[in-house]
Protein backbone atom coordinates (compact mmCIF):
# COMPACT_ATOMS: atom_id res chain seq x y z
CA MET A 1 66.45 49.45 50.12
CA LYS A 2 67.72 49.27 46.56
CA LYS A 3 69.79 52.41 47.28
CA VAL A 4 71.45 50.77 50.27
CA ILE A 5 72.40 47.56 48.32
CA LEU A 6 73.68 49.91 45.39
CA THR A 7 75.81 51.83 48.18
CA ILE A 8 77.29 48.49 49.46
CA CYS A 9 78.00 47.30 45.93
CA LEU A 10 79.75 50.46 44.89
CA SER A 11 81.77 50.59 47.98
CA CYS A 12 83.02 46.88 47.49
CA ILE A 13 83.82 47.79 43.78
CA PHE A 14 85.70 50.73 45.01
CA CYS A 15 87.80 48.76 47.73
CA PHE A 16 88.54 45.91 44.76
CA TYR A 17 89.93 48.54 42.46
CA GLY A 18 91.92 50.22 45.00
CA PHE A 19 93.84 47.18 46.05
CA SER A 20 94.32 45.99 42.65
CA GLN A 21 96.00 49.20 40.85
CA ASP A 22 99.57 49.64 39.83
CA ASN A 23 101.45 51.66 42.31
CA ASN A 24 103.21 53.79 39.54
CA ASN A 25 99.89 55.86 38.96
CA VAL A 26 99.90 59.30 40.26
CA GLU A 27 98.37 59.83 43.82
CA GLU A 28 95.10 61.62 44.07
CA GLU A 29 92.87 62.97 47.01
CA ILE A 30 89.32 61.52 46.98
CA GLU A 31 86.31 63.33 48.54
CA LEU A 32 83.07 61.58 48.89
CA PRO A 33 79.98 63.52 49.35
CA ASP A 34 78.06 63.12 52.74
CA VAL A 35 75.53 60.25 52.92
CA THR A 36 72.59 60.66 54.92
CA THR A 37 70.85 58.19 56.79
CA VAL A 38 67.35 58.09 58.78
CA VAL A 39 67.15 56.07 62.01
CA SER A 40 63.66 54.72 62.25
CA GLY A 41 62.40 52.02 64.51
CA GLY A 42 66.07 50.69 65.52
CA ALA A 43 66.72 49.96 61.67
CA LEU A 44 68.92 52.11 59.47
CA THR A 45 67.37 53.02 56.31
CA ALA A 46 68.30 55.57 53.38
CA GLY A 47 66.31 58.43 52.82
CA LYS A 48 65.20 59.51 49.57
CA ASP A 49 68.03 60.85 47.35
CA SER A 50 70.40 60.23 50.03
CA VAL A 51 72.70 58.07 48.16
CA PRO A 52 74.71 60.76 45.84
CA ASP A 53 76.08 60.44 42.54
CA TYR A 54 79.64 58.70 42.60
CA LYS A 55 80.39 58.95 38.96
CA GLY A 56 82.55 61.91 39.66
CA VAL A 57 84.43 60.65 42.61
CA ILE A 58 84.85 56.75 41.81
CA PRO A 59 88.18 56.15 39.75
CA THR A 60 88.28 54.19 36.64
CA ILE A 61 90.24 50.94 36.27
CA GLU A 62 92.98 52.78 34.59
CA SER A 63 93.46 55.64 37.14
CA ALA A 64 92.41 54.15 40.51
CA LYS A 65 94.94 54.05 43.08
CA VAL A 66 94.68 53.83 46.85
CA GLU A 67 97.75 53.47 49.17
CA LEU A 68 97.41 51.96 52.53
CA PRO A 69 99.63 53.27 55.46
CA LYS A 70 102.62 50.97 55.73
CA LEU A 71 103.40 49.77 59.34
CA SER A 72 107.06 49.31 59.36
CA ASN A 73 107.40 48.44 63.26
CA SER A 74 105.47 48.05 66.41
CA ASP A 75 106.32 51.92 67.12
CA ASP A 76 104.00 52.93 64.18
CA VAL A 77 101.14 50.71 65.58
CA GLU A 78 101.62 52.40 69.03
CA ASN A 79 101.53 55.82 67.29
CA ILE A 80 98.30 55.19 65.65
CA SER A 81 96.92 53.90 68.76
CA ASN A 82 97.86 56.87 70.84
CA VAL A 83 96.25 59.13 68.20
CA SER A 84 93.09 57.02 68.38
CA ASN A 85 92.99 57.46 72.13
CA SER A 86 93.79 61.17 71.94
CA ILE A 87 90.61 61.59 69.64
CA GLN A 88 88.67 59.72 72.01
CA ASN A 89 89.85 61.81 74.97
CA ILE A 90 89.07 65.02 72.98
CA GLU A 91 85.45 63.69 72.34
CA LYS A 92 84.88 62.84 75.79
CA SER A 93 85.91 66.42 77.14
CA VAL A 94 82.33 67.15 77.46
CA TYR A 95 80.25 65.61 80.09
CA ALA A 96 76.66 65.58 81.25
CA GLU A 97 74.95 64.82 84.68
CA GLY A 98 72.13 65.24 86.38
CA LYS A 99 69.02 63.81 88.28
CA ALA A 100 65.25 63.78 87.83
CA GLY A 101 62.18 62.43 89.57
CA GLY A 102 59.43 63.13 91.90
CA GLY A 103 57.29 61.87 94.70
CA TYR A 104 55.06 62.89 97.72
CA PRO A 105 53.85 65.38 98.35
CA PHE A 106 53.52 66.16 94.64
CA TYR A 107 57.35 66.51 94.54
CA PHE A 108 59.30 67.13 91.19
CA LEU A 109 63.18 67.72 90.92
CA GLY A 110 64.83 68.08 87.65
CA ASP A 111 68.63 69.00 87.95
CA PHE A 112 70.97 68.68 84.74
CA SER A 113 74.58 70.13 83.72
CA VAL A 114 76.50 69.84 80.49
CA TYR A 115 80.03 71.12 80.91
CA ARG A 116 83.75 71.04 79.81
CA THR A 117 86.32 71.78 82.36
CA THR A 118 89.66 71.13 80.31
CA GLY A 119 91.15 72.79 77.20
CA THR A 120 91.16 76.51 76.08
CA SER A 121 87.47 76.93 75.93
CA PRO A 122 85.71 75.48 79.17
CA PHE A 123 81.95 75.86 79.55
CA SER A 124 79.09 74.94 81.64
CA ILE A 125 75.30 75.17 81.24
CA ASN A 126 73.15 74.31 84.13
CA PHE A 127 69.39 73.82 84.71
CA SER A 128 67.35 72.96 87.94
CA HIS A 129 63.80 72.96 88.86
CA GLU A 130 62.30 71.90 92.12
CA SER A 131 58.69 72.09 93.34
CA ALA A 132 56.56 70.91 95.87
CA GLU A 133 52.64 71.26 96.26
CA GLY A 134 50.49 70.44 99.06
CA PHE A 135 52.40 69.98 102.25
CA ALA A 136 51.06 67.25 104.52
CA ASP A 137 47.15 67.44 104.39
CA ASN A 138 47.23 71.10 103.33
CA SER A 139 46.22 72.05 99.84
CA ALA A 140 48.45 73.86 97.27
CA ALA A 141 45.18 75.79 96.53
CA ASN A 142 45.29 77.29 99.92
CA GLY A 143 48.95 78.47 99.34
CA PHE A 144 50.91 75.57 100.49
CA PHE A 145 53.42 75.40 97.55
CA GLU A 146 56.90 76.47 96.54
CA ARG A 147 58.75 76.36 93.26
CA ASN A 148 62.08 77.19 92.19
CA THR A 149 63.87 77.28 88.74
CA PHE A 150 67.30 78.19 88.13
CA VAL A 151 69.25 78.33 84.61
CA SER A 152 72.83 79.46 84.26
CA ALA A 153 75.64 79.55 81.63
CA ASN A 154 79.26 80.16 81.84
CA LYS A 155 82.12 80.10 79.15
CA SER A 156 85.68 80.75 79.65
CA PHE A 157 88.44 81.61 77.19
CA ASN A 158 91.89 80.39 78.21
CA LEU A 159 94.51 82.23 76.53
CA LYS A 160 98.37 81.89 76.83
CA ASN A 161 98.79 85.03 79.03
CA GLY A 162 95.39 85.33 80.23
CA LYS A 163 91.68 84.35 80.69
CA ASN A 164 88.27 85.66 80.01
CA GLU A 165 84.94 84.67 81.23
CA LEU A 166 81.34 85.32 80.75
CA TYR A 167 78.51 84.25 82.88
CA GLY A 168 74.68 84.69 83.28
CA SER A 169 71.74 83.09 85.33
CA TYR A 170 68.16 83.55 85.72
CA ASN A 171 66.35 82.40 88.82
CA SER A 172 62.64 82.25 89.55
CA ALA A 173 60.84 81.30 92.63
CA ASN A 174 57.25 81.16 93.83
CA ASN A 175 56.08 80.70 97.45
CA GLY A 176 52.54 80.24 98.47
CA LEU A 177 51.42 82.43 101.49
CA GLN A 178 49.35 79.54 103.25
CA SER A 179 46.47 81.51 103.64
CA LEU A 180 48.39 83.72 106.38
CA SER A 181 48.13 86.98 104.56
CA PRO A 182 44.78 88.94 104.20
CA SER A 183 46.38 90.95 101.37
CA PHE A 184 48.50 88.49 99.22
CA VAL A 185 47.95 85.11 97.68
CA ASP A 186 51.81 84.44 97.00
CA ILE A 187 55.10 85.97 96.36
CA VAL A 188 57.07 85.74 92.94
CA TYR A 189 60.71 86.27 92.50
CA HIS A 190 62.69 87.02 89.32
CA ASN A 191 66.34 87.79 89.33
CA VAL A 192 68.54 87.86 86.18
CA SER A 193 72.22 88.37 86.43
CA ALA A 194 75.07 88.49 83.98
CA GLY A 195 78.82 89.52 84.25
CA PHE A 196 82.50 89.08 82.64
CA SER A 197 85.77 88.90 83.91
CA SER A 198 89.22 89.11 82.56
CA ASP A 199 92.76 88.12 84.15
CA TRP A 200 95.97 88.86 82.20
CA LYS A 201 99.66 88.27 82.97
CA LEU A 202 101.82 91.46 82.36
CA ASN A 203 105.83 91.71 82.20
CA ASN A 204 107.81 92.11 85.25
CA ASN A 205 105.62 89.76 87.44
CA PHE A 206 102.56 91.82 87.30
CA SER A 207 99.10 90.84 86.31
CA VAL A 208 95.81 92.67 85.92
CA TYR A 209 92.27 91.55 86.21
CA TYR A 210 88.88 93.53 85.84
CA GLY A 211 85.38 92.80 85.23
CA THR A 212 81.77 93.54 86.32
CA ASN A 213 78.49 91.77 87.07
CA GLY A 214 75.10 93.27 87.45
CA SER A 215 71.44 92.17 88.28
CA TRP A 216 68.04 92.85 87.71
CA PHE A 217 65.66 91.80 90.42
CA ASN A 218 61.77 91.91 90.61
CA ARG A 219 59.58 90.36 93.36
CA TYR A 220 55.85 91.06 93.53
CA ASN A 221 52.93 89.65 95.40
CA GLY A 222 49.67 88.37 94.09
CA ILE A 223 46.99 90.37 95.56
CA PHE A 224 43.48 89.48 96.86
CA LEU A 225 41.12 91.37 94.63
CA ASP A 226 38.64 92.05 97.32
CA SER A 227 41.27 92.75 100.12
CA ALA A 228 40.17 95.22 102.70
CA ILE A 229 43.63 95.34 104.54
CA SER A 230 45.90 97.80 103.18
CA SER A 231 49.70 97.31 102.50
CA LYS A 232 52.82 99.18 102.04
CA SER A 233 54.26 99.94 98.65
CA TYR A 234 57.34 98.12 99.74
CA GLU A 235 55.25 94.94 100.51
CA LYS A 236 53.28 94.87 97.16
CA ASP A 237 56.59 94.57 95.08
CA SER A 238 60.23 95.34 94.59
CA LYS A 239 62.24 96.27 91.66
CA LEU A 240 65.87 96.96 91.70
CA PHE A 241 69.05 97.15 89.60
CA ASP A 242 72.66 96.82 90.66
CA ILE A 243 76.03 96.92 88.93
CA ASN A 244 79.48 96.38 90.43
CA PRO A 245 82.66 96.78 88.36
CA TRP A 246 86.05 96.14 89.64
CA LEU A 247 89.89 96.84 88.68
CA GLY A 248 92.72 95.01 90.28
CA ILE A 249 96.57 94.78 89.89
CA LYS A 250 98.72 92.11 91.45
CA TRP A 251 102.58 91.69 91.61
CA GLU A 252 104.12 88.52 92.73
CA LYS A 253 107.73 87.70 93.22
CA ASP A 254 109.05 84.51 94.70
CA ASN A 255 107.10 84.13 97.83
CA PHE A 256 105.55 87.55 98.04
CA GLU A 257 102.38 88.92 96.70
CA ILE A 258 100.96 92.63 96.61
CA ASP A 259 97.41 93.01 95.53
CA PHE A 260 95.56 96.34 94.72
CA THR A 261 91.73 96.35 93.88
CA ALA A 262 89.34 99.20 93.44
CA ASN A 263 85.53 98.22 93.54
CA TYR A 264 82.40 100.13 92.96
CA SER A 265 78.72 99.34 93.68
CA LEU A 266 75.60 100.88 92.41
CA GLU A 267 72.01 99.88 93.35
CA LEU A 268 68.94 101.51 92.25
CA ASN A 269 65.29 101.58 93.13
CA LEU A 270 63.26 101.15 89.60
CA LYS A 271 60.11 101.89 91.31
CA ASP A 272 58.36 105.16 91.66
CA SER A 273 60.19 107.50 93.97
CA LYS A 274 59.05 107.23 97.74
CA THR A 275 58.18 103.63 97.49
CA LEU A 276 61.17 102.70 99.83
CA LEU A 277 62.07 104.10 103.20
CA LYS A 278 65.16 105.78 103.93
CA ALA A 279 67.38 103.61 106.20
CA SER A 280 69.22 105.26 108.91
CA GLY A 281 72.75 105.58 108.03
CA SER A 282 71.70 106.25 104.37
CA SER A 283 71.58 109.58 102.36
CA SER A 284 68.88 108.45 99.75
CA GLU A 285 65.96 106.01 99.52
CA GLU A 286 66.42 105.80 95.74
CA SER A 287 69.90 104.83 95.17
CA SER A 288 73.14 103.90 96.80
CA HIS A 289 76.79 104.27 95.98
CA ARG A 290 79.67 102.33 97.50
CA GLY A 291 83.33 102.46 96.77
CA GLU A 292 86.02 100.11 98.26
CA PHE A 293 89.88 100.53 97.57
CA ASP A 294 91.84 97.26 98.96
CA LEU A 295 95.49 96.71 99.39
CA SER A 296 96.49 93.22 100.48
CA PHE A 297 99.97 91.64 101.26
CA VAL A 298 100.83 87.83 101.28
CA TRP A 299 104.01 86.02 102.07
CA LYS A 300 103.97 82.14 101.69
CA ASN A 301 106.10 79.10 101.45
CA GLU A 302 105.23 75.40 101.75
CA VAL A 303 104.70 75.31 105.44
CA SER A 304 103.11 78.86 106.26
CA LYS A 305 101.24 81.61 104.84
CA LEU A 306 101.04 85.20 106.36
CA LYS A 307 98.60 87.83 105.23
CA SER A 308 97.52 91.26 105.95
CA ASN A 309 94.72 93.63 104.52
CA VAL A 310 93.71 97.04 104.65
CA ALA A 311 90.85 98.88 102.91
CA ALA A 312 89.14 102.45 102.73
CA ILE A 313 85.38 102.39 101.95
CA ILE A 314 83.33 105.40 101.20
CA GLY A 315 79.60 105.71 100.10
CA THR A 316 76.23 106.88 100.56
CA ALA A 317 75.14 104.14 103.03
CA ILE A 318 77.81 103.32 105.07
CA GLY A 319 76.43 104.62 108.41
CA GLU A 320 76.03 107.96 110.26
CA LYS A 321 79.19 107.64 112.55
CA LYS A 322 81.75 107.48 109.84
CA ASP A 323 82.58 109.55 106.58
CA ILE A 324 85.01 106.67 105.89
CA ILE A 325 85.44 103.15 107.17
CA VAL A 326 88.95 101.62 107.33
CA PRO A 327 88.61 97.72 107.81
CA PHE A 328 91.77 95.66 108.07
CA SER A 329 92.82 92.05 108.94
CA VAL A 330 95.71 90.02 109.97
CA GLY A 331 96.26 86.30 109.57
CA MET A 332 98.17 83.34 109.31
CA GLU A 333 97.91 79.94 107.92
CA LEU A 334 100.13 76.76 108.86
CA ALA A 335 100.40 73.33 107.47
CA LEU A 336 102.33 71.32 110.20
CA PRO A 337 103.98 67.99 110.02
CA ASN A 338 102.00 65.25 111.70
CA SER A 339 103.33 62.14 113.35
CA PHE A 340 99.69 60.49 113.23
CA SER A 341 99.01 60.82 109.68
CA SER A 342 100.57 61.41 105.99
CA ARG A 343 98.10 64.35 106.05
CA LYS A 344 99.29 67.48 107.75
CA ILE A 345 97.91 69.46 110.51
CA SER A 346 96.21 72.70 109.24
CA LEU A 347 95.88 75.78 111.40
CA GLU A 348 94.37 79.12 110.58
CA LEU A 349 94.03 82.36 112.61
CA GLU A 350 92.54 85.63 111.35
CA GLY A 351 91.27 88.90 112.72
CA GLY A 352 90.42 92.65 112.39
CA MET A 353 87.61 94.67 111.18
CA ASP A 354 85.42 93.36 108.44
CA SER A 355 83.04 95.60 106.52
CA TYR A 356 80.65 94.52 103.45
CA SER A 357 77.24 95.44 101.97
CA GLU A 358 74.39 93.07 101.20
CA LYS A 359 71.98 92.95 98.33
CA ILE A 360 68.17 93.08 98.78
CA ARG A 361 67.97 90.38 95.85
CA ASP A 362 70.08 88.08 98.04
CA LEU A 363 68.33 88.73 101.36
CA GLU A 364 64.73 88.44 100.15
CA THR A 365 65.17 85.16 98.52
CA LYS A 366 67.09 83.85 101.50
CA TYR A 367 64.71 84.78 104.01
CA LYS A 368 61.25 83.56 102.88
CA TYR A 369 58.18 85.60 103.30
CA SER A 370 60.18 88.65 104.30
CA VAL A 371 60.48 91.98 102.38
CA ALA A 372 63.09 94.84 102.79
CA THR A 373 61.56 98.09 103.66
CA SER A 374 64.69 100.35 102.36
CA LEU A 375 67.88 99.96 100.46
CA LEU A 376 70.47 98.30 102.78
CA THR A 377 73.28 99.83 104.58
CA GLU A 378 76.76 98.65 105.42
CA THR A 379 77.44 95.74 107.89
CA THR A 380 80.66 96.20 109.98
CA ASP A 381 82.04 93.98 112.55
CA TRP A 382 85.20 93.39 114.63
CA TYR A 383 86.07 89.86 114.36
CA GLY A 384 88.37 87.14 115.21
CA PHE A 385 88.39 83.65 113.45
CA GLY A 386 90.30 80.35 114.15
CA LYS A 387 90.30 76.83 112.65
CA ILE A 388 92.43 73.59 113.27
CA SER A 389 91.98 70.39 111.33
CA LEU A 390 93.90 67.48 112.97
CA PRO A 391 94.02 64.28 110.67
CA ILE A 392 94.90 60.83 112.59
CA LYS A 393 95.86 58.06 110.44
CA GLU A 394 93.94 57.71 107.40
CA PHE A 395 90.54 57.06 108.98
CA PHE A 396 89.92 59.82 111.21
CA GLY A 397 89.57 63.64 111.27
CA LEU A 398 88.87 66.26 113.45
CA ARG A 399 88.14 70.06 112.78
CA LEU A 400 87.48 72.68 115.38
CA SER A 401 86.66 76.28 114.55
CA GLY A 402 85.32 79.24 116.35
CA GLU A 403 84.40 82.80 115.41
CA TYR A 404 83.67 86.09 117.32
CA ARG A 405 81.87 88.99 115.88
CA LYS A 406 80.59 92.36 117.52
CA THR A 407 78.99 95.17 115.58
CA ALA A 408 81.08 98.21 115.00
CA TYR A 409 79.79 101.71 114.37
CA ASP A 410 76.31 100.74 114.81
CA ASN A 411 76.42 99.25 111.27
CA GLY A 412 74.49 96.24 112.00
CA VAL A 413 73.62 92.79 110.28
CA TRP A 414 70.35 92.52 108.01
CA TRP A 415 68.25 89.66 108.69
CA SER A 416 64.49 88.88 108.78
CA ASP A 417 62.70 89.56 112.20
CA TYR A 418 60.40 86.56 112.30
CA SER A 419 59.05 87.52 115.75
CA ASN A 420 57.18 90.46 114.18
CA LYS A 421 54.51 89.96 111.52
CA SER A 422 53.14 92.82 109.68
CA SER A 423 49.08 93.25 109.31
CA SER A 424 49.53 92.00 105.88
CA GLY A 425 51.00 88.62 106.85
CA LEU A 426 54.71 89.43 106.00
CA TYR A 427 57.95 89.81 107.82
CA PHE A 428 60.30 92.69 107.71
CA ILE A 429 64.35 92.67 107.02
CA THR A 430 65.80 94.68 109.65
CA ASN A 431 69.12 95.93 110.78
CA ASN A 432 70.34 94.56 114.18
CA ASN A 433 73.56 95.16 116.27
CA ARG A 434 75.16 91.57 117.48
CA GLU A 435 77.53 89.90 119.53
CA ASP A 436 78.28 86.41 118.41
CA PHE A 437 80.28 83.66 119.41
CA ASN A 438 79.95 80.51 117.20
CA THR A 439 81.86 77.27 117.41
CA GLU A 440 81.88 74.16 115.06
CA THR A 441 83.15 70.75 115.84
CA GLU A 442 83.28 68.16 113.02
CA VAL A 443 84.48 64.54 113.16
CA ASN A 444 84.90 62.06 110.12
CA PHE A 445 85.40 58.42 110.14
CA VAL A 446 86.38 55.98 107.30
CA LEU A 447 86.03 52.42 108.32
CA GLY A 448 86.61 50.13 105.27
CA ASN A 449 83.39 51.06 102.92
CA VAL A 450 81.69 52.77 105.83
CA LYS A 451 81.74 56.77 106.18
CA LEU A 452 80.67 58.34 109.37
CA SER A 453 80.71 62.01 110.22
CA GLY A 454 79.38 64.25 112.89
CA LEU A 455 78.79 68.11 113.28
CA TRP A 456 78.03 70.21 116.23
CA LYS A 457 77.11 73.83 115.63
CA ALA A 458 76.93 76.13 118.70
CA TYR A 459 75.89 79.84 119.02
CA TRP A 460 76.91 80.79 122.60
CA LEU A 461 76.12 84.36 122.43
CA ASP A 462 73.43 85.88 120.13
CA VAL A 463 71.54 83.52 118.16
CA PRO A 464 71.47 84.31 114.28
CA CYS A 465 68.11 84.42 112.41
CA CYS A 466 66.96 80.74 111.48
CA GLN A 467 69.01 78.91 113.87
CA ASP A 468 68.82 77.20 117.20
CA GLU A 469 71.15 77.59 120.03
CA HIS A 470 72.53 74.39 119.26
CA ASN A 471 72.35 72.13 115.96
CA ILE A 472 73.64 68.35 115.75
CA TYR A 473 74.09 66.71 112.50
CA ALA A 474 75.20 63.13 111.80
CA THR A 475 75.38 61.04 108.66
CA VAL A 476 76.45 57.51 107.62
CA GLN A 477 77.07 56.21 104.10
CA TYR A 478 77.86 52.69 103.08
CA GLN A 479 79.06 51.79 99.65
CA SER A 480 79.58 48.13 98.27
CA LYS A 481 82.83 47.02 97.18
CA ASN A 482 81.61 46.67 93.51
CA THR A 483 80.44 50.50 93.69
CA ASN A 484 77.09 48.95 92.34
CA TRP A 485 74.77 50.20 95.29
CA ASP A 486 75.21 52.30 98.47
CA LEU A 487 72.98 53.23 101.35
CA GLY A 488 72.83 56.35 103.41
CA GLY A 489 71.37 57.99 106.52
CA SER A 490 71.41 61.09 108.60
CA ILE A 491 69.80 62.94 111.48
CA SER A 492 69.78 66.49 112.72
CA LYS A 493 68.31 67.96 115.67
CA GLY A 494 68.05 71.53 116.84
CA LEU A 495 68.39 72.08 120.72
CA GLY A 496 67.37 75.36 122.51
CA ASP A 497 64.14 77.36 123.76
CA ASN A 498 62.41 77.40 120.31
CA ALA A 499 63.84 74.07 118.90
CA GLU A 500 61.41 71.64 117.57
CA PHE A 501 61.32 68.41 119.48
CA ILE A 502 61.19 65.79 116.62
CA PRO A 503 64.64 65.31 114.95
CA ASN A 504 64.90 64.99 111.30
CA ILE A 505 65.74 61.44 110.05
CA SER A 506 66.46 60.69 106.52
CA ALA A 507 67.53 57.79 104.29
CA ASP A 508 68.58 57.09 100.82
CA ALA A 509 69.66 54.05 98.62
CA THR A 510 71.18 54.20 95.29
CA PHE A 511 71.55 51.12 92.71
CA ARG A 512 73.59 51.19 89.57
CA ILE A 513 71.50 49.79 86.52
CA SER A 514 74.20 50.67 83.95
CA HIS A 515 77.54 52.18 83.61
CA SER A 516 76.05 55.69 83.63
CA ILE A 517 72.66 55.45 85.15
CA ARG A 518 71.71 55.00 88.68
CA ILE A 519 68.25 54.72 90.49
CA ALA A 520 67.89 56.36 93.83
CA PHE A 521 65.10 56.29 96.66
CA GLU A 522 65.12 59.27 98.99
CA LEU A 523 63.02 59.38 102.43
CA ASN A 524 63.35 62.72 103.91
CA ASP A 525 62.20 63.65 107.38
CA ILE A 526 60.85 60.21 107.95
CA ILE A 527 59.09 60.87 111.22
CA LYS A 528 57.46 63.81 109.98
CA LEU A 529 56.33 61.61 106.75
CA ILE A 530 54.83 59.13 108.86
CA LYS A 531 52.87 61.50 111.02
CA ASN A 532 51.96 63.70 107.84
CA GLU A 533 53.36 66.68 109.58
CA THR A 534 54.87 69.90 108.59
CA ARG A 535 57.57 71.80 110.19
CA SER A 536 57.70 75.39 111.15
CA TYR A 537 59.87 77.58 109.04
CA ALA A 538 62.30 79.55 111.03
CA ASN A 539 59.86 79.61 114.17
CA SER A 540 57.65 81.81 112.16
CA ASP A 541 53.73 81.24 111.58
CA TYR A 542 54.72 79.62 108.30
CA VAL A 543 55.63 75.99 107.63
CA GLU A 544 57.74 73.90 105.36
CA LYS A 545 56.89 70.84 103.47
CA GLY A 546 57.97 68.27 106.29
CA GLY A 547 58.57 64.75 105.18
CA SER A 548 58.76 63.63 101.65
CA ALA A 549 59.53 60.47 99.59
CA ALA A 550 61.16 60.46 95.95
CA LEU A 551 62.08 58.23 93.36
CA LEU A 552 65.01 59.84 91.29
CA VAL A 553 67.09 58.63 88.15
CA LYS A 554 70.57 59.96 88.17
CA PHE A 555 72.79 59.75 85.03
CA GLN A 556 76.41 60.68 84.12
CA PHE A 557 77.77 60.62 80.50
């Protein structure tokens, strides 16, 4: 306490001498050593030896001189105010937001982000963890649990003529097998990804971009030590590495763009040889190589955009019927005047042949309780796509879209076959020829503080994995005029031969308790929550957690 009083006295003496000195003395710069304080119990106290020796920096009566800024007019005051505001804006360029909470059934969620989106050095850091244990009356000890943790970081360097970006992520997931497998207890996934990209503007309207990304993926299953049921090597675990570099060059002039890109992809089986099967249309079970050379043309103005694309794909897993695949597409986008609204009518049409290659790491985490038996081969489709968005006034919007796809060259799509479970209790990711015609109809209303939306998804030919023939969604959201609270609700229902009868009805309420903090109450799948029941996962033997209730704290700083 004595040191605090001494500090205040010395500061007062310094200010008194500064104001009283003669203006003819020579100007000097004075630097004060840092003063440290300790925050304890809400009071400020000076730590031991935290007040430095001021003898070397406090001027004597003869030499002391401090010049205050001279404000000659209101413009000077405004300039100082602008500088202060600029400093505050710089300090506020970094934001943090997230939510955390938990509920029933033994549910926990933590989701946090710190980021800066402006300036020459934006970045983002994200962390999320979500877990649920004990679905309805089923015990977590019997395998009724799921956990997922995700961490990612992104750093950009924005320069005068270009941009560099570094990024990386780690994802870990753990799903219990609900006592449905005589061989395994659970499935654990680990996926580490990283990459960089660069984009540079050159002379004569040229630009070049390049980069690479890669991933290490490991999936393994907890094994019953006394299991008498044999399992395949690809069911027990999976270890894969992939890397995907690219190089491109673009030329832009007025309304015209030409873009050429070369991509290479390598995927390796890191387990012992012969632990994976060799897929039909692939030359090896241990590795796959794929090269793609892509050339695109774009012409655009304020109203329309015309685009075309042609590519050449070669590799070791592109199918049996072609040594080279030549996908292509043509399309157009229009922004048309609208007499019903200030917003324009949007029209998009595109068609051709599409070809791409999936990664095992993506599909094994997308389709739960499923494993890939081999490295994946190319997926090639004939396709056509159309979409129109029609705004009416400022309170109504209508969007219609449709897509047709048909397998080309027998290069089918990869998804899980949930109709055929193996003896060890798992499902296999298989290759399937398809002919799809899918449509979406979406409507949006804004009536004062109330927002309404509806969506109808329909699959008229083949039905994709994990979908019903028809799926209907509707949401409503109300926000108070002072934005201090809001209420929301949603309902979804699947229609079709295998669709579940009970709709999924959910509700939420959010209340602002300070400028940056809100409290949220969420009820998910209310009917299942009341009945204390689970839902079937993708019409398989496995179930999801069903209804849940949660209390969350949301913040933004």
